[in-house]
Amino acid sequence: MLSSATFALNPKTDLNASYAFSKSDYAQTDLAGLPLGVNYERNDVRAGITRRFPKNLVANLTYGFSQYREPTSGGASDFTAQTIFATVSFPWP
């Protein structure tokens, strides 16, 4: 599942947010009792602001939070992460 929204605060500023959810339930056990497949759940949330400046300069700042749980790996692949991503773009002559 993926959802996102953008709100134009004013002609030069946008607020944006998104949420992504993914889940798998393919775990199984073979005849010898060995675990096969994967079970996981992942959540990602992002929120950011975009600002347009004179001369077509655009800046973007985004905060993100991610969480991944995989019981079939015994927790070895689990993680929780936070990110900050900033960009500045301008047209090349």
Protein backbone atom coordinates (compact mmCIF):
# COMPACT_ATOMS: atom_id res chain seq x y z
CA MET A 1 0.00 0.00 0.00
CA LEU A 2 1.30 3.45 -0.87
CA SER A 3 -0.32 6.79 -0.21
CA SER A 4 0.94 10.33 -0.53
CA ALA A 5 -0.33 13.89 -0.29
CA THR A 6 0.96 17.33 -1.21
CA PHE A 7 -0.44 20.56 0.16
CA ALA A 8 0.40 23.90 -1.50
CA LEU A 9 0.94 26.17 1.48
CA ASN A 10 1.46 29.17 -0.80
CA PRO A 11 2.69 29.67 -4.39
CA LYS A 12 6.31 29.07 -3.32
CA THR A 13 5.97 26.40 -0.61
CA ASP A 14 4.62 22.83 -0.65
CA LEU A 15 4.23 20.38 2.22
CA ASN A 16 4.28 16.69 1.35
CA ALA A 17 3.84 13.42 3.17
CA SER A 18 3.82 9.75 2.21
CA TYR A 19 3.28 6.35 3.80
CA ALA A 20 4.22 2.94 2.42
CA PHE A 21 3.33 -0.44 3.89
CA SER A 22 4.46 -3.84 2.69
CA LYS A 23 3.85 -7.28 4.16
CA SER A 24 4.75 -10.80 3.13
CA ASP A 25 3.56 -14.09 4.59
CA TYR A 26 5.35 -16.73 2.53
CA ALA A 27 6.96 -18.63 5.39
CA GLN A 28 6.66 -22.41 5.31
CA THR A 29 8.43 -25.48 6.61
CA ASP A 30 9.64 -28.32 4.40
CA LEU A 31 9.24 -32.03 5.25
CA ALA A 32 12.58 -32.11 7.10
CA GLY A 33 11.45 -29.25 9.37
CA LEU A 34 13.66 -26.59 7.76
CA PRO A 35 12.14 -23.10 7.51
CA LEU A 36 11.62 -21.79 3.98
CA GLY A 37 10.22 -18.56 2.56
CA VAL A 38 9.98 -15.19 4.20
CA ASN A 39 7.68 -13.33 6.56
CA TYR A 40 8.16 -9.58 6.89
CA GLU A 41 6.44 -6.27 7.57
CA ARG A 42 7.78 -2.86 6.52
CA ASN A 43 6.49 0.64 7.27
CA ASP A 44 7.89 3.87 5.80
CA VAL A 45 6.72 7.40 6.67
CA ARG A 46 8.07 10.58 5.01
CA ALA A 47 7.28 14.27 5.52
CA GLY A 48 8.88 17.18 3.79
CA ILE A 49 8.81 20.74 2.60
CA THR A 50 9.65 22.13 -0.84
CA ARG A 51 10.46 25.79 -1.36
CA ARG A 52 10.83 27.58 -4.70
CA PHE A 53 13.18 30.58 -4.78
CA PRO A 54 13.84 33.21 -7.46
CA LYS A 55 15.85 32.18 -10.55
CA ASN A 56 14.19 28.70 -10.56
CA LEU A 57 16.14 27.52 -7.50
CA VAL A 58 14.22 24.78 -5.64
CA ALA A 59 15.11 23.38 -2.19
CA ASN A 60 13.62 20.29 -0.58
CA LEU A 61 14.00 18.93 2.96
CA THR A 62 12.52 15.53 3.86
CA TYR A 63 12.44 13.51 7.10
CA GLY A 64 11.80 9.78 6.96
CA PHE A 65 11.16 6.95 9.41
CA SER A 66 11.39 3.28 8.40
CA GLN A 67 10.78 0.07 10.31
CA TYR A 68 11.32 -3.48 9.07
CA ARG A 69 10.52 -6.70 10.95
CA GLU A 70 11.32 -10.18 9.65
CA PRO A 71 10.58 -12.94 12.17
CA THR A 72 11.73 -15.66 9.75
CA SER A 73 15.32 -14.36 10.03
CA GLY A 74 15.20 -14.55 13.81
CA GLY A 75 15.30 -10.76 13.97
CA ALA A 76 18.75 -10.54 12.31
CA SER A 77 17.35 -8.44 9.45
CA ASP A 78 15.16 -6.16 11.57
CA PHE A 79 15.86 -2.45 11.56
CA THR A 80 14.49 0.93 12.53
CA ALA A 81 15.93 3.94 10.71
CA GLN A 82 15.50 7.68 10.52
CA THR A 83 16.64 9.75 7.53
CA ILE A 84 17.02 13.39 6.59
CA PHE A 85 17.37 14.16 2.90
CA ALA A 86 18.03 17.64 1.50
CA THR A 87 18.29 18.71 -2.13
CA VAL A 88 18.84 21.96 -3.98
CA SER A 89 18.25 22.11 -7.72
CA PHE A 90 18.69 24.80 -10.33
CA PRO A 91 18.61 24.83 -14.12
CA TRP A 92 21.90 24.56 -15.97
CA PRO A 93 22.26 27.21 -18.72
